[in-house]
Amino acid sequence: MAQRYTAVAVALHWLVAVGIIYNLFEALVVFDDNTPRPAIDLHKSIGITVIGLVVLRILWKIGHPGPKPLPGLKVWERKLSVSAHHLLYLLMAIVPLAGWLHDSAWKGAPTHPLVLFGVIPWFRMPLFGGLNDAGKDWWHEKLFAVHQYSSWLLAGLVALHIAGALKHQLLDHQPQFRRMWFGK
């Protein structure tokens, strides 16, 4: 079995990582009630792109399993790593999907088309089309809560993931970074 991830897996990992970290930072640190529309639109564009990239990552991972865990990991480290990765994949799907659903339930959606990166017209999920404004507001609020709270959980898990990688690389002196980077 390979000791490194494939170039495709590495590229997808870093594209998803950059998208998620940017959106988490923007949403959890920068956004407020005065956030300009272009920043919100960019956030939506990146989130929807992350959904697509995560689907590609999962499909790639099915056909191309990664390397075995590094030797010398303790049983609890292995279990924590596997659990954290499963939860990361789940949240990488839930967070942007909840955001997309939240946006789709927005009563102002008909007058504000969703255009990815200002270029690609995109659809909203048609689940809320038959609701009145009060019903849309209810779903908009509930889905925002799911999006927000799962984002905080994702942020904590990303921090744990980074801390684990740093621990294995710097403290355990294992070639952790080489496995998820381009080149040799």
N, C-alpha and C. Protein backbone atom coordinates (compact mmCIF):
# COMPACT_ATOMS: atom_id res chain seq x y z
N MET A 1 0.85 -1.18 0.00
CA MET A 1 0.00 0.00 0.00
C MET A 1 0.90 1.25 0.00
N ALA A 2 0.42 2.27 -0.64
CA ALA A 2 1.20 3.51 -0.77
C ALA A 2 1.45 4.16 0.59
N GLN A 3 2.55 4.89 0.68
CA GLN A 3 2.87 5.63 1.90
C GLN A 3 2.41 7.08 1.83
N ARG A 4 1.90 7.45 0.65
CA ARG A 4 1.45 8.83 0.43
C ARG A 4 0.06 8.80 -0.19
N TYR A 5 -0.62 9.91 -0.11
CA TYR A 5 -1.89 10.06 -0.81
C TYR A 5 -1.60 10.39 -2.27
N THR A 6 -2.54 10.06 -3.15
CA THR A 6 -2.36 10.36 -4.57
C THR A 6 -2.40 11.88 -4.78
N ALA A 7 -1.88 12.31 -5.92
CA ALA A 7 -1.87 13.74 -6.25
C ALA A 7 -3.30 14.30 -6.30
N VAL A 8 -4.23 13.51 -6.79
CA VAL A 8 -5.63 13.97 -6.83
C VAL A 8 -6.17 14.13 -5.41
N ALA A 9 -5.90 13.18 -4.55
CA ALA A 9 -6.36 13.27 -3.16
C ALA A 9 -5.75 14.48 -2.47
N VAL A 10 -4.48 14.73 -2.73
CA VAL A 10 -3.79 15.87 -2.13
C VAL A 10 -4.41 17.18 -2.63
N ALA A 11 -4.62 17.27 -3.94
CA ALA A 11 -5.21 18.49 -4.50
C ALA A 11 -6.60 18.73 -3.93
N LEU A 12 -7.42 17.68 -3.87
CA LEU A 12 -8.78 17.84 -3.32
C LEU A 12 -8.73 18.22 -1.84
N HIS A 13 -7.82 17.60 -1.09
CA HIS A 13 -7.68 17.93 0.33
C HIS A 13 -7.41 19.42 0.52
N TRP A 14 -6.41 19.94 -0.22
CA TRP A 14 -6.02 21.33 -0.02
C TRP A 14 -7.04 22.32 -0.58
N LEU A 15 -7.71 21.97 -1.67
CA LEU A 15 -8.77 22.85 -2.19
C LEU A 15 -9.92 22.95 -1.20
N VAL A 16 -10.33 21.81 -0.66
CA VAL A 16 -11.40 21.80 0.34
C VAL A 16 -10.94 22.54 1.60
N ALA A 17 -9.71 22.28 2.03
CA ALA A 17 -9.19 22.93 3.24
C ALA A 17 -9.19 24.45 3.11
N VAL A 18 -8.68 24.94 1.98
CA VAL A 18 -8.64 26.40 1.78
C VAL A 18 -10.05 26.98 1.76
N GLY A 19 -10.96 26.32 1.05
CA GLY A 19 -12.35 26.80 1.00
C GLY A 19 -13.00 26.82 2.36
N ILE A 20 -12.83 25.75 3.11
CA ILE A 20 -13.45 25.67 4.43
C ILE A 20 -12.84 26.68 5.40
N ILE A 21 -11.53 26.75 5.43
CA ILE A 21 -10.87 27.68 6.37
C ILE A 21 -11.23 29.12 6.03
N TYR A 22 -11.24 29.45 4.74
CA TYR A 22 -11.64 30.82 4.35
C TYR A 22 -13.08 31.11 4.80
N ASN A 23 -13.99 30.20 4.48
CA ASN A 23 -15.39 30.44 4.83
C ASN A 23 -15.62 30.46 6.34
N LEU A 24 -14.93 29.58 7.08
CA LEU A 24 -15.08 29.60 8.54
C LEU A 24 -14.56 30.92 9.11
N PHE A 25 -13.40 31.34 8.66
CA PHE A 25 -12.84 32.60 9.15
C PHE A 25 -13.78 33.76 8.83
N GLU A 26 -14.21 33.81 7.59
CA GLU A 26 -15.09 34.90 7.16
C GLU A 26 -16.39 34.91 7.97
N ALA A 27 -17.01 33.76 8.12
CA ALA A 27 -18.31 33.69 8.79
C ALA A 27 -18.22 33.87 10.30
N LEU A 28 -17.21 33.24 10.91
CA LEU A 28 -17.13 33.25 12.36
C LEU A 28 -16.40 34.46 12.92
N VAL A 29 -15.59 35.13 12.10
CA VAL A 29 -14.79 36.25 12.59
C VAL A 29 -15.16 37.57 11.93
N VAL A 30 -15.42 37.56 10.63
CA VAL A 30 -15.59 38.80 9.88
C VAL A 30 -17.05 39.23 9.74
N PHE A 31 -17.93 38.27 9.45
CA PHE A 31 -19.33 38.63 9.16
C PHE A 31 -20.00 39.31 10.34
N ASP A 32 -20.81 40.32 10.02
CA ASP A 32 -21.70 40.94 11.00
C ASP A 32 -22.92 41.45 10.23
N ASP A 33 -23.75 42.26 10.88
CA ASP A 33 -24.97 42.74 10.23
C ASP A 33 -24.69 43.69 9.06
N ASN A 34 -23.48 44.20 8.96
CA ASN A 34 -23.13 45.15 7.90
C ASN A 34 -22.27 44.54 6.79
N THR A 35 -22.20 43.22 6.75
CA THR A 35 -21.37 42.56 5.75
C THR A 35 -21.93 42.87 4.36
N PRO A 36 -21.08 43.35 3.45
CA PRO A 36 -21.57 43.68 2.11
C PRO A 36 -21.99 42.45 1.32
N ARG A 37 -22.95 42.63 0.44
CA ARG A 37 -23.50 41.54 -0.38
C ARG A 37 -22.42 40.78 -1.14
N PRO A 38 -21.42 41.42 -1.78
CA PRO A 38 -20.41 40.63 -2.50
C PRO A 38 -19.67 39.63 -1.60
N ALA A 39 -19.43 39.98 -0.35
CA ALA A 39 -18.74 39.05 0.56
C ALA A 39 -19.65 37.85 0.87
N ILE A 40 -20.93 38.12 1.04
CA ILE A 40 -21.88 37.02 1.30
C ILE A 40 -21.99 36.13 0.07
N ASP A 41 -22.04 36.74 -1.11
CA ASP A 41 -22.13 35.96 -2.35
C ASP A 41 -20.88 35.09 -2.55
N LEU A 42 -19.71 35.62 -2.21
CA LEU A 42 -18.48 34.83 -2.32
C LEU A 42 -18.53 33.65 -1.34
N HIS A 43 -19.01 33.89 -0.13
CA HIS A 43 -19.15 32.85 0.87
C HIS A 43 -20.04 31.71 0.34
N LYS A 44 -21.16 32.08 -0.29
CA LYS A 44 -22.07 31.07 -0.86
C LYS A 44 -21.39 30.32 -2.00
N SER A 45 -20.68 31.04 -2.85
CA SER A 45 -20.00 30.40 -3.99
C SER A 45 -18.97 29.39 -3.52
N ILE A 46 -18.19 29.77 -2.53
CA ILE A 46 -17.16 28.86 -2.00
C ILE A 46 -17.84 27.66 -1.33
N GLY A 47 -18.90 27.90 -0.58
CA GLY A 47 -19.60 26.80 0.10
C GLY A 47 -20.15 25.78 -0.88
N ILE A 48 -20.77 26.24 -1.95
CA ILE A 48 -21.32 25.31 -2.94
C ILE A 48 -20.18 24.59 -3.66
N THR A 49 -19.09 25.27 -3.92
CA THR A 49 -17.93 24.63 -4.53
C THR A 49 -17.38 23.55 -3.61
N VAL A 50 -17.34 23.83 -2.31
CA VAL A 50 -16.86 22.83 -1.34
C VAL A 50 -17.73 21.58 -1.39
N ILE A 51 -19.04 21.74 -1.52
CA ILE A 51 -19.91 20.55 -1.62
C ILE A 51 -19.46 19.67 -2.78
N GLY A 52 -19.26 20.28 -3.94
CA GLY A 52 -18.83 19.52 -5.11
C GLY A 52 -17.48 18.85 -4.90
N LEU A 53 -16.54 19.59 -4.32
CA LEU A 53 -15.21 19.03 -4.07
C LEU A 53 -15.25 17.89 -3.06
N VAL A 54 -16.11 18.00 -2.05
CA VAL A 54 -16.22 16.94 -1.05
C VAL A 54 -16.80 15.68 -1.69
N VAL A 55 -17.78 15.84 -2.56
CA VAL A 55 -18.33 14.68 -3.28
C VAL A 55 -17.22 14.02 -4.11
N LEU A 56 -16.43 14.83 -4.80
CA LEU A 56 -15.31 14.28 -5.58
C LEU A 56 -14.31 13.57 -4.67
N ARG A 57 -14.03 14.17 -3.50
CA ARG A 57 -13.09 13.54 -2.54
C ARG A 57 -13.58 12.17 -2.11
N ILE A 58 -14.87 12.10 -1.79
CA ILE A 58 -15.43 10.82 -1.32
C ILE A 58 -15.36 9.78 -2.44
N LEU A 59 -15.76 10.18 -3.65
CA LEU A 59 -15.70 9.24 -4.78
C LEU A 59 -14.27 8.80 -5.06
N TRP A 60 -13.32 9.73 -4.99
CA TRP A 60 -11.92 9.38 -5.21
C TRP A 60 -11.43 8.43 -4.12
N LYS A 61 -11.80 8.73 -2.89
CA LYS A 61 -11.35 7.92 -1.75
C LYS A 61 -11.87 6.49 -1.84
N ILE A 62 -13.07 6.31 -2.37
CA ILE A 62 -13.63 4.97 -2.53
C ILE A 62 -12.75 4.12 -3.45
N GLY A 63 -12.30 4.71 -4.54
CA GLY A 63 -11.48 3.96 -5.49
C GLY A 63 -9.99 4.00 -5.22
N HIS A 64 -9.57 4.91 -4.34
CA HIS A 64 -8.14 5.09 -4.07
C HIS A 64 -7.92 5.28 -2.57
N PRO A 65 -7.97 4.20 -1.81
CA PRO A 65 -7.77 4.35 -0.36
C PRO A 65 -6.39 4.94 -0.07
N GLY A 66 -6.33 5.70 0.99
CA GLY A 66 -5.07 6.34 1.37
C GLY A 66 -4.09 5.37 1.99
N PRO A 67 -2.94 5.87 2.39
CA PRO A 67 -1.92 5.02 3.01
C PRO A 67 -2.37 4.53 4.38
N LYS A 68 -1.69 3.50 4.83
CA LYS A 68 -1.95 2.98 6.18
C LYS A 68 -1.60 4.05 7.20
N PRO A 69 -2.18 3.97 8.39
CA PRO A 69 -1.79 4.93 9.45
C PRO A 69 -0.29 4.82 9.73
N LEU A 70 0.25 5.92 10.18
CA LEU A 70 1.68 5.93 10.50
C LEU A 70 1.99 4.90 11.58
N PRO A 71 3.14 4.24 11.48
CA PRO A 71 3.50 3.26 12.51
C PRO A 71 3.73 3.97 13.84
N GLY A 72 3.48 3.25 14.89
CA GLY A 72 3.74 3.79 16.22
C GLY A 72 2.57 4.55 16.83
N LEU A 73 1.45 4.64 16.12
CA LEU A 73 0.30 5.32 16.71
C LEU A 73 -0.28 4.47 17.83
N LYS A 74 -0.64 5.12 18.90
CA LYS A 74 -1.30 4.42 20.00
C LYS A 74 -2.73 4.10 19.56
N VAL A 75 -3.35 3.12 20.21
CA VAL A 75 -4.70 2.70 19.85
C VAL A 75 -5.67 3.88 19.94
N TRP A 76 -5.56 4.67 21.01
CA TRP A 76 -6.48 5.80 21.17
C TRP A 76 -6.27 6.85 20.08
N GLU A 77 -5.00 7.03 19.64
CA GLU A 77 -4.73 7.99 18.57
C GLU A 77 -5.36 7.53 17.25
N ARG A 78 -5.26 6.26 16.99
CA ARG A 78 -5.84 5.69 15.77
C ARG A 78 -7.36 5.85 15.79
N LYS A 79 -7.98 5.51 16.93
CA LYS A 79 -9.44 5.62 17.04
C LYS A 79 -9.89 7.08 16.94
N LEU A 80 -9.17 7.98 17.59
CA LEU A 80 -9.50 9.40 17.52
C LEU A 80 -9.35 9.91 16.09
N SER A 81 -8.30 9.49 15.43
CA SER A 81 -8.06 9.93 14.05
C SER A 81 -9.17 9.46 13.13
N VAL A 82 -9.53 8.20 13.21
CA VAL A 82 -10.60 7.66 12.35
C VAL A 82 -11.92 8.35 12.65
N SER A 83 -12.24 8.50 13.92
CA SER A 83 -13.50 9.17 14.30
C SER A 83 -13.52 10.62 13.83
N ALA A 84 -12.41 11.32 14.03
CA ALA A 84 -12.34 12.72 13.61
C ALA A 84 -12.48 12.85 12.10
N HIS A 85 -11.85 11.96 11.35
CA HIS A 85 -11.96 12.03 9.89
C HIS A 85 -13.39 11.75 9.42
N HIS A 86 -14.05 10.77 10.02
CA HIS A 86 -15.45 10.50 9.65
C HIS A 86 -16.33 11.70 9.96
N LEU A 87 -16.12 12.29 11.12
CA LEU A 87 -16.92 13.47 11.49
C LEU A 87 -16.58 14.66 10.60
N LEU A 88 -15.31 14.81 10.23
CA LEU A 88 -14.91 15.87 9.30
C LEU A 88 -15.66 15.73 7.97
N TYR A 89 -15.67 14.52 7.42
CA TYR A 89 -16.38 14.31 6.15
C TYR A 89 -17.87 14.63 6.30
N LEU A 90 -18.46 14.20 7.38
CA LEU A 90 -19.87 14.48 7.61
C LEU A 90 -20.12 15.99 7.69
N LEU A 91 -19.31 16.69 8.46
CA LEU A 91 -19.50 18.14 8.61
C LEU A 91 -19.13 18.91 7.35
N MET A 92 -18.16 18.39 6.58
CA MET A 92 -17.81 19.05 5.32
C MET A 92 -18.99 19.01 4.35
N ALA A 93 -19.90 18.08 4.54
CA ALA A 93 -21.11 18.02 3.73
C ALA A 93 -22.25 18.80 4.39
N ILE A 94 -22.43 18.62 5.70
CA ILE A 94 -23.56 19.25 6.40
C ILE A 94 -23.47 20.77 6.41
N VAL A 95 -22.31 21.31 6.70
CA VAL A 95 -22.19 22.77 6.84
C VAL A 95 -22.58 23.50 5.55
N PRO A 96 -21.96 23.18 4.41
CA PRO A 96 -22.37 23.91 3.21
C PRO A 96 -23.78 23.55 2.73
N LEU A 97 -24.20 22.31 2.95
CA LEU A 97 -25.55 21.92 2.54
C LEU A 97 -26.59 22.68 3.37
N ALA A 98 -26.36 22.80 4.66
CA ALA A 98 -27.28 23.57 5.51
C ALA A 98 -27.29 25.04 5.10
N GLY A 99 -26.12 25.56 4.71
CA GLY A 99 -26.06 26.94 4.23
C GLY A 99 -26.84 27.12 2.94
N TRP A 100 -26.71 26.17 2.03
CA TRP A 100 -27.43 26.23 0.76
C TRP A 100 -28.94 26.13 0.99
N LEU A 101 -29.35 25.23 1.88
CA LEU A 101 -30.77 25.11 2.23
C LEU A 101 -31.27 26.40 2.90
N HIS A 102 -30.46 26.95 3.79
CA HIS A 102 -30.79 28.21 4.47
C HIS A 102 -31.01 29.31 3.43
N ASP A 103 -30.11 29.41 2.48
CA ASP A 103 -30.24 30.41 1.42
C ASP A 103 -31.46 30.13 0.54
N SER A 104 -31.73 28.86 0.29
CA SER A 104 -32.88 28.49 -0.54
C SER A 104 -34.20 28.84 0.14
N ALA A 105 -34.22 28.85 1.47
CA ALA A 105 -35.45 29.18 2.21
C ALA A 105 -35.65 30.69 2.37
N TRP A 106 -34.67 31.47 1.99
CA TRP A 106 -34.73 32.93 2.16
C TRP A 106 -35.85 33.52 1.31
N LYS A 107 -36.73 34.29 1.94
CA LYS A 107 -37.86 34.87 1.21
C LYS A 107 -37.41 35.90 0.18
N GLY A 108 -36.21 36.46 0.32
CA GLY A 108 -35.69 37.41 -0.65
C GLY A 108 -35.00 36.76 -1.84
N ALA A 109 -34.94 35.42 -1.85
CA ALA A 109 -34.24 34.71 -2.92
C ALA A 109 -34.74 35.05 -4.33
N PRO A 110 -36.06 35.19 -4.52
CA PRO A 110 -36.52 35.47 -5.90
C PRO A 110 -35.97 36.77 -6.49
N THR A 111 -35.64 37.73 -5.65
CA THR A 111 -35.14 39.01 -6.17
C THR A 111 -33.61 39.11 -6.11
N HIS A 112 -32.96 38.08 -5.61
CA HIS A 112 -31.49 38.05 -5.52
C HIS A 112 -31.00 36.72 -6.08
N PRO A 113 -30.80 36.62 -7.38
CA PRO A 113 -30.37 35.34 -7.97
C PRO A 113 -29.03 34.88 -7.39
N LEU A 114 -28.88 33.60 -7.31
CA LEU A 114 -27.64 33.00 -6.83
C LEU A 114 -26.73 32.79 -8.05
N VAL A 115 -25.59 33.47 -8.03
CA VAL A 115 -24.65 33.40 -9.15
C VAL A 115 -23.27 33.10 -8.57
N LEU A 116 -22.76 31.92 -8.87
CA LEU A 116 -21.48 31.51 -8.31
C LEU A 116 -20.34 32.33 -8.89
N PHE A 117 -19.57 32.92 -8.00
CA PHE A 117 -18.42 33.74 -8.35
C PHE A 117 -18.78 34.85 -9.34
N GLY A 118 -20.05 35.28 -9.29
CA GLY A 118 -20.51 36.36 -10.15
C GLY A 118 -20.63 35.99 -11.61
N VAL A 119 -20.50 34.69 -11.94
CA VAL A 119 -20.45 34.26 -13.34
C VAL A 119 -21.44 33.14 -13.66
N ILE A 120 -21.55 32.16 -12.77
CA ILE A 120 -22.32 30.94 -13.06
C ILE A 120 -23.68 31.00 -12.36
N PRO A 121 -24.76 31.16 -13.12
CA PRO A 121 -26.09 31.13 -12.50
C PRO A 121 -26.30 29.77 -11.84
N TRP A 122 -26.80 29.80 -10.61
CA TRP A 122 -26.97 28.57 -9.85
C TRP A 122 -28.39 28.51 -9.31
N PHE A 123 -28.83 27.33 -9.01
CA PHE A 123 -30.20 27.13 -8.55
C PHE A 123 -30.27 27.07 -7.03
N ARG A 124 -31.41 27.43 -6.54
CA ARG A 124 -31.71 27.20 -5.13
C ARG A 124 -32.57 25.95 -5.06
N MET A 125 -32.52 25.28 -3.95
CA MET A 125 -33.31 24.06 -3.80
C MET A 125 -34.79 24.44 -3.76
N PRO A 126 -35.60 23.74 -4.54
CA PRO A 126 -37.01 24.13 -4.67
C PRO A 126 -37.92 23.66 -3.53
N LEU A 127 -37.35 23.27 -2.42
CA LEU A 127 -38.14 22.71 -1.32
C LEU A 127 -39.08 23.71 -0.66
N PHE A 128 -38.81 25.00 -0.81
CA PHE A 128 -39.53 26.01 -0.04
C PHE A 128 -40.44 26.86 -0.90
N GLY A 129 -40.58 26.53 -2.18
CA GLY A 129 -41.33 27.34 -3.13
C GLY A 129 -42.80 27.53 -2.78
N GLY A 130 -43.43 26.55 -2.18
CA GLY A 130 -44.85 26.64 -1.88
C GLY A 130 -45.17 27.28 -0.53
N LEU A 131 -44.16 27.69 0.20
CA LEU A 131 -44.39 28.25 1.53
C LEU A 131 -44.65 29.75 1.46
N ASN A 132 -45.43 30.23 2.42
CA ASN A 132 -45.60 31.68 2.55
C ASN A 132 -44.36 32.26 3.23
N ASP A 133 -44.30 33.60 3.33
CA ASP A 133 -43.11 34.24 3.90
C ASP A 133 -42.83 33.79 5.33
N ALA A 134 -43.89 33.59 6.12
CA ALA A 134 -43.69 33.15 7.51
C ALA A 134 -43.06 31.75 7.55
N GLY A 135 -43.51 30.87 6.68
CA GLY A 135 -42.94 29.53 6.61
C GLY A 135 -41.50 29.55 6.15
N LYS A 136 -41.21 30.40 5.16
CA LYS A 136 -39.83 30.53 4.69
C LYS A 136 -38.94 31.09 5.79
N ASP A 137 -39.46 32.10 6.51
CA ASP A 137 -38.68 32.68 7.62
C ASP A 137 -38.36 31.63 8.67
N TRP A 138 -39.33 30.77 8.98
CA TRP A 138 -39.13 29.73 9.99
C TRP A 138 -37.99 28.80 9.55
N TRP A 139 -38.07 28.30 8.32
CA TRP A 139 -37.03 27.41 7.82
C TRP A 139 -35.69 28.12 7.69
N HIS A 140 -35.73 29.36 7.24
CA HIS A 140 -34.51 30.15 7.08
C HIS A 140 -33.78 30.26 8.42
N GLU A 141 -34.54 30.53 9.47
CA GLU A 141 -33.95 30.66 10.81
C GLU A 141 -33.42 29.33 11.32
N LYS A 142 -34.19 28.27 11.19
CA LYS A 142 -33.77 26.95 11.71
C LYS A 142 -32.54 26.43 10.96
N LEU A 143 -32.55 26.59 9.64
CA LEU A 143 -31.42 26.11 8.85
C LEU A 143 -30.17 26.94 9.09
N PHE A 144 -30.34 28.22 9.39
CA PHE A 144 -29.18 29.04 9.75
C PHE A 144 -28.57 28.53 11.05
N ALA A 145 -29.42 28.15 12.00
CA ALA A 145 -28.91 27.62 13.27
C ALA A 145 -28.11 26.34 13.03
N VAL A 146 -28.63 25.45 12.18
CA VAL A 146 -27.88 24.22 11.86
C VAL A 146 -26.55 24.58 11.21
N HIS A 147 -26.59 25.51 10.26
CA HIS A 147 -25.38 25.94 9.55
C HIS A 147 -24.37 26.55 10.54
N GLN A 148 -24.86 27.40 11.41
CA GLN A 148 -23.97 28.09 12.35
C GLN A 148 -23.37 27.14 13.38
N TYR A 149 -24.19 26.34 14.02
CA TYR A 149 -23.68 25.45 15.08
C TYR A 149 -22.78 24.35 14.50
N SER A 150 -23.14 23.83 13.34
CA SER A 150 -22.27 22.82 12.73
C SER A 150 -20.96 23.45 12.25
N SER A 151 -21.00 24.74 11.91
CA SER A 151 -19.76 25.45 11.54
C SER A 151 -18.82 25.56 12.73
N TRP A 152 -19.35 25.84 13.90
CA TRP A 152 -18.51 25.90 15.09
C TRP A 152 -17.89 24.53 15.38
N LEU A 153 -18.70 23.49 15.23
CA LEU A 153 -18.18 22.14 15.44
C LEU A 153 -17.10 21.82 14.41
N LEU A 154 -17.34 22.20 13.16
CA LEU A 154 -16.34 21.98 12.11
C LEU A 154 -15.06 22.75 12.41
N ALA A 155 -15.18 23.99 12.87
CA ALA A 155 -14.00 24.79 13.21
C ALA A 155 -13.18 24.10 14.30
N GLY A 156 -13.84 23.57 15.32
CA GLY A 156 -13.14 22.85 16.38
C GLY A 156 -12.46 21.59 15.86
N LEU A 157 -13.14 20.89 14.97
CA LEU A 157 -12.58 19.67 14.41
C LEU A 157 -11.39 19.96 13.48
N VAL A 158 -11.49 21.03 12.71
CA VAL A 158 -10.36 21.45 11.87
C VAL A 158 -9.15 21.77 12.75
N ALA A 159 -9.39 22.48 13.85
CA ALA A 159 -8.29 22.80 14.78
C ALA A 159 -7.68 21.51 15.35
N LEU A 160 -8.52 20.55 15.71
CA LEU A 160 -8.03 19.26 16.22
C LEU A 160 -7.22 18.53 15.15
N HIS A 161 -7.71 18.56 13.91
CA HIS A 161 -7.03 17.92 12.79
C HIS A 161 -5.64 18.53 12.58
N ILE A 162 -5.57 19.85 12.59
CA ILE A 162 -4.29 20.54 12.42
C ILE A 162 -3.35 20.24 13.59
N ALA A 163 -3.90 20.28 14.81
CA ALA A 163 -3.09 19.98 15.99
C ALA A 163 -2.54 18.56 15.93
N GLY A 164 -3.36 17.61 15.50
CA GLY A 164 -2.90 16.23 15.38
C GLY A 164 -1.78 16.09 14.36
N ALA A 165 -1.94 16.74 13.21
CA ALA A 165 -0.91 16.68 12.17
C ALA A 165 0.40 17.30 12.68
N LEU A 166 0.29 18.42 13.37
CA LEU A 166 1.49 19.07 13.92
C LEU A 166 2.15 18.21 14.98
N LYS A 167 1.34 17.59 15.84
CA LYS A 167 1.88 16.71 16.88
C LYS A 167 2.68 15.57 16.26
N HIS A 168 2.07 14.90 15.26
CA HIS A 168 2.76 13.77 14.64
C HIS A 168 4.03 14.21 13.91
N GLN A 169 3.98 15.35 13.27
CA GLN A 169 5.14 15.83 12.51
C GLN A 169 6.24 16.35 13.44
N LEU A 170 5.88 17.22 14.38
CA LEU A 170 6.89 17.93 15.17
C LEU A 170 7.30 17.22 16.45
N LEU A 171 6.35 16.60 17.13
CA LEU A 171 6.69 15.95 18.39
C LEU A 171 7.06 14.48 18.21
N ASP A 172 6.33 13.78 17.34
CA ASP A 172 6.60 12.36 17.13
C ASP A 172 7.62 12.13 16.01
N HIS A 173 7.98 13.18 15.29
CA HIS A 173 8.96 13.12 14.20
C HIS A 173 8.57 12.08 13.14
N GLN A 174 7.28 12.04 12.83
CA GLN A 174 6.78 11.17 11.76
C GLN A 174 6.57 12.02 10.51
N PRO A 175 6.71 11.42 9.32
CA PRO A 175 6.60 12.20 8.08
C PRO A 175 5.15 12.51 7.69
N GLN A 176 4.42 13.11 8.60
CA GLN A 176 3.00 13.36 8.40
C GLN A 176 2.75 14.30 7.21
N PHE A 177 3.46 15.39 7.13
CA PHE A 177 3.19 16.38 6.08
C PHE A 177 3.53 15.83 4.70
N ARG A 178 4.56 15.02 4.61
CA ARG A 178 4.97 14.47 3.32
C ARG A 178 3.87 13.62 2.71
N ARG A 179 3.04 13.00 3.53
CA ARG A 179 1.97 12.13 3.04
C ARG A 179 0.85 12.92 2.35
N MET A 180 0.67 14.18 2.73
CA MET A 180 -0.44 14.98 2.20
C MET A 180 0.10 16.23 1.51
N TRP A 181 1.21 16.08 0.81
CA TRP A 181 1.78 17.20 0.07
C TRP A 181 2.24 16.69 -1.29
N PHE A 182 2.43 17.62 -2.22
CA PHE A 182 2.88 17.25 -3.56
C PHE A 182 4.38 16.98 -3.54
N GLY A 183 4.83 16.19 -4.47
CA GLY A 183 6.26 15.93 -4.61
C GLY A 183 6.71 14.73 -3.80
N LYS A 184 8.01 14.63 -3.61
CA LYS A 184 8.56 13.46 -2.90
C LYS A 184 9.06 13.82 -1.54
